[in-house]
Amino acid sequence: MAGLERFCRRPDQNGLAVVLTNDPALWSAPGPGRGQMRDREFRIHEGRELTGTLLWAGGKYERNTCTLRGTYGLDWKPYSELSGSGGEFRYVAVHVSPDQDEPKPCMMMPC
C-alpha cells in the first residue's frame, strides 16, 4: 500500500491494489497455535485493517518498517469456484486515494 500511496501523491491520481488467489492462507486469519510470525503486521487476511506503522518481526528489521498514511480494511470476495482441490478463488481490492499525508518511505516489497 505504501507504494500506491506514493504514486497517489498527486491530487489527480488514484490507485487500486487487487489480489486474486486460490490460496486460503492469504484470506484466512492465522490459527491460535501459530505463535509469533515475523510477517504478522503485514498479513492481509479477511477482516484485517492495515494502518499506521507496520513492523517486520516486531521492529527487528528497521528497513522493512512501513508507515501507511491511510487505513485499509480488507474484505475478501468470492471470485470463482472450480472443481477439485484449490478451486476456490477469492479477491480483495483496496482503493488508495490522494487525500492522505506524505508517507514514510518503505523499502519492503509487500507494502
N, C-alpha and C. Protein backbone atom coordinates (compact mmCIF):
# COMPACT_ATOMS: atom_id res chain seq x y z
N MET A 1 0.80 -1.19 0.00
CA MET A 1 0.00 0.00 0.00
C MET A 1 0.85 1.27 0.00
N ALA A 2 1.98 1.21 0.69
CA ALA A 2 2.81 2.41 0.76
C ALA A 2 3.28 2.83 -0.63
N GLY A 3 3.57 1.86 -1.50
CA GLY A 3 3.96 2.18 -2.87
C GLY A 3 2.84 2.88 -3.62
N LEU A 4 1.61 2.41 -3.46
CA LEU A 4 0.47 3.08 -4.09
C LEU A 4 0.23 4.45 -3.49
N GLU A 5 0.44 4.57 -2.19
CA GLU A 5 0.28 5.89 -1.58
C GLU A 5 1.28 6.88 -2.16
N ARG A 6 2.51 6.43 -2.40
CA ARG A 6 3.49 7.33 -3.03
C ARG A 6 3.04 7.70 -4.44
N PHE A 7 2.51 6.75 -5.20
CA PHE A 7 2.02 7.01 -6.54
C PHE A 7 0.88 8.02 -6.51
N CYS A 8 0.07 7.98 -5.48
CA CYS A 8 -1.13 8.82 -5.39
C CYS A 8 -0.89 10.14 -4.68
N ARG A 9 0.34 10.60 -4.65
CA ARG A 9 0.62 11.88 -4.01
C ARG A 9 -0.03 13.04 -4.75
N ARG A 10 -0.13 12.93 -6.07
CA ARG A 10 -0.76 14.00 -6.84
C ARG A 10 -2.27 13.92 -6.68
N PRO A 11 -2.95 15.04 -6.64
CA PRO A 11 -4.40 15.03 -6.42
C PRO A 11 -5.19 14.40 -7.57
N ASP A 12 -4.59 14.23 -8.74
CA ASP A 12 -5.31 13.65 -9.87
C ASP A 12 -4.99 12.17 -10.08
N GLN A 13 -4.37 11.51 -9.09
CA GLN A 13 -4.01 10.09 -9.23
C GLN A 13 -4.62 9.27 -8.10
N ASN A 14 -5.29 8.20 -8.48
CA ASN A 14 -5.82 7.22 -7.54
C ASN A 14 -5.13 5.91 -7.80
N GLY A 15 -5.20 5.00 -6.85
CA GLY A 15 -4.60 3.69 -7.02
C GLY A 15 -5.55 2.59 -6.60
N LEU A 16 -5.31 1.40 -7.10
CA LEU A 16 -6.12 0.25 -6.75
C LEU A 16 -5.20 -0.96 -6.64
N ALA A 17 -5.18 -1.59 -5.48
CA ALA A 17 -4.43 -2.83 -5.28
C ALA A 17 -5.42 -3.97 -5.36
N VAL A 18 -5.13 -4.97 -6.21
CA VAL A 18 -6.00 -6.13 -6.36
C VAL A 18 -5.17 -7.39 -6.16
N VAL A 19 -5.65 -8.28 -5.31
CA VAL A 19 -5.02 -9.58 -5.11
C VAL A 19 -6.07 -10.63 -5.44
N LEU A 20 -5.73 -11.54 -6.34
CA LEU A 20 -6.60 -12.66 -6.72
C LEU A 20 -5.82 -13.93 -6.45
N THR A 21 -6.40 -14.85 -5.67
CA THR A 21 -5.67 -16.05 -5.30
C THR A 21 -6.61 -17.21 -5.02
N ASN A 22 -6.04 -18.41 -5.10
CA ASN A 22 -6.76 -19.60 -4.65
C ASN A 22 -6.07 -20.19 -3.40
N ASP A 23 -5.25 -19.41 -2.75
CA ASP A 23 -4.54 -19.85 -1.55
C ASP A 23 -5.27 -19.33 -0.31
N PRO A 24 -6.01 -20.20 0.39
CA PRO A 24 -6.78 -19.75 1.56
C PRO A 24 -5.92 -19.17 2.67
N ALA A 25 -4.63 -19.46 2.68
CA ALA A 25 -3.75 -18.91 3.72
C ALA A 25 -3.70 -17.38 3.64
N LEU A 26 -3.97 -16.80 2.47
CA LEU A 26 -3.94 -15.35 2.35
C LEU A 26 -5.19 -14.70 2.93
N TRP A 27 -6.37 -15.31 2.76
CA TRP A 27 -7.59 -14.69 3.26
C TRP A 27 -8.00 -15.20 4.64
N SER A 28 -7.35 -16.23 5.15
CA SER A 28 -7.68 -16.80 6.46
C SER A 28 -6.75 -16.25 7.55
N ALA A 29 -7.34 -15.91 8.68
CA ALA A 29 -6.53 -15.47 9.82
C ALA A 29 -5.70 -16.64 10.32
N PRO A 30 -4.48 -16.38 10.77
CA PRO A 30 -3.65 -17.47 11.29
C PRO A 30 -4.29 -18.07 12.54
N GLY A 31 -4.13 -19.37 12.70
CA GLY A 31 -4.70 -20.06 13.85
C GLY A 31 -4.00 -19.68 15.15
N PRO A 32 -4.64 -19.95 16.28
CA PRO A 32 -4.07 -19.56 17.58
C PRO A 32 -2.77 -20.29 17.91
N GLY A 33 -2.52 -21.44 17.33
CA GLY A 33 -1.30 -22.18 17.63
C GLY A 33 -0.10 -21.77 16.80
N ARG A 34 -0.23 -20.75 15.99
CA ARG A 34 0.85 -20.35 15.08
C ARG A 34 1.99 -19.61 15.76
N GLY A 35 1.77 -19.07 16.94
CA GLY A 35 2.83 -18.32 17.61
C GLY A 35 3.11 -17.00 16.93
N GLN A 36 4.22 -16.39 17.27
CA GLN A 36 4.61 -15.10 16.68
C GLN A 36 5.22 -15.32 15.30
N MET A 37 4.69 -14.62 14.33
CA MET A 37 5.20 -14.68 12.97
C MET A 37 5.88 -13.36 12.64
N ARG A 38 6.98 -13.43 11.92
CA ARG A 38 7.69 -12.20 11.55
C ARG A 38 6.84 -11.28 10.71
N ASP A 39 5.97 -11.85 9.86
CA ASP A 39 5.16 -11.03 8.95
C ASP A 39 3.78 -10.68 9.52
N ARG A 40 3.58 -10.87 10.81
CA ARG A 40 2.26 -10.72 11.43
C ARG A 40 1.59 -9.39 11.06
N GLU A 41 2.29 -8.29 11.09
CA GLU A 41 1.68 -6.99 10.81
C GLU A 41 1.46 -6.73 9.32
N PHE A 42 2.00 -7.60 8.47
CA PHE A 42 1.85 -7.45 7.02
C PHE A 42 0.81 -8.41 6.44
N ARG A 43 0.18 -9.23 7.28
CA ARG A 43 -0.78 -10.20 6.78
C ARG A 43 -2.02 -9.51 6.23
N ILE A 44 -2.65 -10.14 5.25
CA ILE A 44 -3.77 -9.49 4.54
C ILE A 44 -5.04 -10.34 4.61
N HIS A 45 -5.27 -11.03 5.72
CA HIS A 45 -6.43 -11.91 5.84
C HIS A 45 -7.73 -11.12 5.99
N GLU A 46 -8.85 -11.83 5.82
CA GLU A 46 -10.19 -11.26 5.91
C GLU A 46 -10.37 -10.51 7.23
N GLY A 47 -10.94 -9.31 7.13
CA GLY A 47 -11.23 -8.51 8.31
C GLY A 47 -10.05 -7.71 8.84
N ARG A 48 -8.88 -7.89 8.29
CA ARG A 48 -7.67 -7.18 8.73
C ARG A 48 -7.77 -5.73 8.30
N GLU A 49 -7.23 -4.85 9.12
CA GLU A 49 -7.16 -3.43 8.79
C GLU A 49 -5.69 -3.03 8.80
N LEU A 50 -5.21 -2.56 7.66
CA LEU A 50 -3.83 -2.10 7.55
C LEU A 50 -3.82 -0.60 7.79
N THR A 51 -3.03 -0.17 8.76
CA THR A 51 -2.96 1.25 9.08
C THR A 51 -1.72 1.52 9.93
N GLY A 52 -1.28 2.75 9.94
CA GLY A 52 -0.18 3.15 10.81
C GLY A 52 1.15 2.53 10.44
N THR A 53 1.97 2.30 11.44
CA THR A 53 3.31 1.75 11.22
C THR A 53 3.27 0.24 11.32
N LEU A 54 3.79 -0.43 10.29
CA LEU A 54 3.86 -1.89 10.24
C LEU A 54 5.31 -2.29 10.46
N LEU A 55 5.53 -3.15 11.43
CA LEU A 55 6.88 -3.59 11.79
C LEU A 55 7.08 -5.04 11.39
N TRP A 56 8.19 -5.34 10.77
CA TRP A 56 8.57 -6.71 10.44
C TRP A 56 9.30 -7.29 11.64
N ALA A 57 8.85 -8.44 12.12
CA ALA A 57 9.47 -9.12 13.27
C ALA A 57 9.55 -8.21 14.49
N GLY A 58 8.48 -7.48 14.75
CA GLY A 58 8.45 -6.62 15.92
C GLY A 58 9.42 -5.45 15.86
N GLY A 59 9.89 -5.10 14.68
CA GLY A 59 10.79 -3.96 14.52
C GLY A 59 12.25 -4.33 14.48
N LYS A 60 12.56 -5.62 14.45
CA LYS A 60 13.96 -6.06 14.44
C LYS A 60 14.66 -5.74 13.12
N TYR A 61 13.88 -5.51 12.05
CA TYR A 61 14.45 -5.19 10.74
C TYR A 61 13.89 -3.83 10.32
N GLU A 62 14.53 -2.78 10.81
CA GLU A 62 14.01 -1.43 10.64
C GLU A 62 13.80 -1.04 9.17
N ARG A 63 14.65 -1.52 8.26
CA ARG A 63 14.47 -1.12 6.86
C ARG A 63 13.19 -1.69 6.26
N ASN A 64 12.58 -2.67 6.90
CA ASN A 64 11.32 -3.24 6.43
C ASN A 64 10.11 -2.55 7.05
N THR A 65 10.31 -1.57 7.88
CA THR A 65 9.21 -0.85 8.51
C THR A 65 8.50 0.01 7.47
N CYS A 66 7.18 0.00 7.51
CA CYS A 66 6.36 0.82 6.62
C CYS A 66 5.39 1.64 7.44
N THR A 67 5.18 2.87 7.04
CA THR A 67 4.15 3.68 7.67
C THR A 67 3.14 4.05 6.59
N LEU A 68 1.91 3.65 6.83
CA LEU A 68 0.83 3.93 5.90
C LEU A 68 0.12 5.22 6.30
N ARG A 69 -0.26 6.00 5.32
CA ARG A 69 -1.00 7.23 5.57
C ARG A 69 -2.46 6.95 5.85
N GLY A 70 -3.01 6.00 5.11
CA GLY A 70 -4.43 5.71 5.21
C GLY A 70 -4.72 4.48 6.06
N THR A 71 -6.00 4.14 6.10
CA THR A 71 -6.48 2.95 6.78
C THR A 71 -7.20 2.11 5.74
N TYR A 72 -6.82 0.84 5.65
CA TYR A 72 -7.32 -0.02 4.58
C TYR A 72 -7.91 -1.29 5.17
N GLY A 73 -9.23 -1.38 5.12
CA GLY A 73 -9.92 -2.59 5.56
C GLY A 73 -9.91 -3.62 4.45
N LEU A 74 -9.69 -4.88 4.80
CA LEU A 74 -9.59 -5.94 3.81
C LEU A 74 -10.84 -6.82 3.85
N ASP A 75 -11.56 -6.84 2.75
CA ASP A 75 -12.82 -7.57 2.63
C ASP A 75 -12.74 -8.48 1.41
N TRP A 76 -12.34 -9.74 1.64
CA TRP A 76 -12.18 -10.70 0.56
C TRP A 76 -13.54 -11.11 0.00
N LYS A 77 -13.64 -11.21 -1.31
CA LYS A 77 -14.88 -11.58 -2.01
C LYS A 77 -14.66 -12.83 -2.85
N PRO A 78 -15.71 -13.65 -3.01
CA PRO A 78 -15.60 -14.81 -3.91
C PRO A 78 -15.38 -14.34 -5.35
N TYR A 79 -14.53 -15.05 -6.08
CA TYR A 79 -14.29 -14.74 -7.48
C TYR A 79 -14.80 -15.86 -8.37
N SER A 80 -14.35 -17.08 -8.13
CA SER A 80 -14.86 -18.22 -8.90
C SER A 80 -14.64 -19.50 -8.11
N GLU A 81 -15.37 -20.52 -8.50
CA GLU A 81 -15.28 -21.82 -7.86
C GLU A 81 -15.12 -22.86 -8.95
N LEU A 82 -13.98 -23.53 -8.95
CA LEU A 82 -13.70 -24.59 -9.91
C LEU A 82 -13.71 -25.92 -9.16
N SER A 83 -13.94 -26.99 -9.87
CA SER A 83 -13.92 -28.29 -9.21
C SER A 83 -12.49 -28.68 -8.85
N GLY A 84 -12.38 -29.51 -7.84
CA GLY A 84 -11.06 -30.01 -7.45
C GLY A 84 -10.43 -29.20 -6.34
N SER A 85 -9.32 -29.70 -5.88
CA SER A 85 -8.57 -29.05 -4.81
C SER A 85 -8.02 -27.70 -5.29
N GLY A 86 -8.14 -26.71 -4.46
CA GLY A 86 -7.64 -25.38 -4.81
C GLY A 86 -8.52 -24.65 -5.80
N GLY A 87 -9.77 -25.07 -5.92
CA GLY A 87 -10.66 -24.47 -6.92
C GLY A 87 -11.36 -23.20 -6.49
N GLU A 88 -11.27 -22.85 -5.22
CA GLU A 88 -11.92 -21.62 -4.75
C GLU A 88 -10.97 -20.44 -4.92
N PHE A 89 -11.42 -19.45 -5.68
CA PHE A 89 -10.66 -18.22 -5.88
C PHE A 89 -11.38 -17.07 -5.19
N ARG A 90 -10.62 -16.22 -4.53
CA ARG A 90 -11.15 -15.00 -3.91
C ARG A 90 -10.26 -13.83 -4.30
N TYR A 91 -10.82 -12.63 -4.14
CA TYR A 91 -10.03 -11.44 -4.42
C TYR A 91 -10.31 -10.38 -3.36
N VAL A 92 -9.36 -9.49 -3.20
CA VAL A 92 -9.53 -8.31 -2.38
C VAL A 92 -9.04 -7.12 -3.20
N ALA A 93 -9.80 -6.05 -3.17
CA ALA A 93 -9.44 -4.83 -3.90
C ALA A 93 -9.44 -3.67 -2.91
N VAL A 94 -8.38 -2.90 -2.92
CA VAL A 94 -8.23 -1.78 -1.98
C VAL A 94 -7.94 -0.51 -2.77
N HIS A 95 -8.78 0.49 -2.57
CA HIS A 95 -8.62 1.77 -3.24
C HIS A 95 -7.72 2.68 -2.42
N VAL A 96 -6.81 3.37 -3.09
CA VAL A 96 -5.93 4.34 -2.44
C VAL A 96 -6.20 5.68 -3.10
N SER A 97 -6.51 6.67 -2.27
CA SER A 97 -6.81 8.00 -2.80
C SER A 97 -5.70 8.98 -2.47
N PRO A 98 -5.65 10.11 -3.16
CA PRO A 98 -4.55 11.07 -2.97
C PRO A 98 -4.72 11.98 -1.76
N ASP A 99 -5.78 11.83 -1.00
CA ASP A 99 -6.05 12.78 0.08
C ASP A 99 -5.46 12.34 1.42
N GLN A 100 -4.24 11.81 1.40
CA GLN A 100 -3.55 11.38 2.62
C GLN A 100 -2.31 12.26 2.80
N ASP A 101 -1.72 12.21 3.99
CA ASP A 101 -0.46 12.91 4.25
C ASP A 101 0.69 12.15 3.60
N GLU A 102 1.84 12.74 3.57
CA GLU A 102 3.04 12.13 2.97
C GLU A 102 3.48 10.91 3.78
N PRO A 103 3.69 9.73 3.13
CA PRO A 103 4.12 8.55 3.87
C PRO A 103 5.63 8.50 4.09
N LYS A 104 6.03 7.71 5.06
CA LYS A 104 7.44 7.39 5.27
C LYS A 104 7.85 6.40 4.19
N PRO A 105 9.05 6.51 3.65
CA PRO A 105 9.49 5.56 2.63
C PRO A 105 9.44 4.12 3.14
N CYS A 106 9.11 3.21 2.26
CA CYS A 106 9.03 1.80 2.59
C CYS A 106 9.98 1.04 1.68
N MET A 107 10.86 0.26 2.24
CA MET A 107 11.85 -0.46 1.47
C MET A 107 11.38 -1.87 1.08
N MET A 108 10.37 -2.39 1.76
CA MET A 108 9.97 -3.77 1.56
C MET A 108 8.87 -3.87 0.51
N MET A 109 8.94 -4.89 -0.34
CA MET A 109 8.01 -5.06 -1.43
C MET A 109 6.54 -5.23 -1.00
N PRO A 110 6.17 -6.01 0.04
CA PRO A 110 4.76 -6.20 0.35
C PRO A 110 4.00 -4.93 0.67
N CYS A 111 4.69 -3.86 0.97
CA CYS A 111 3.98 -2.63 1.27
C CYS A 111 3.36 -2.11 0.01
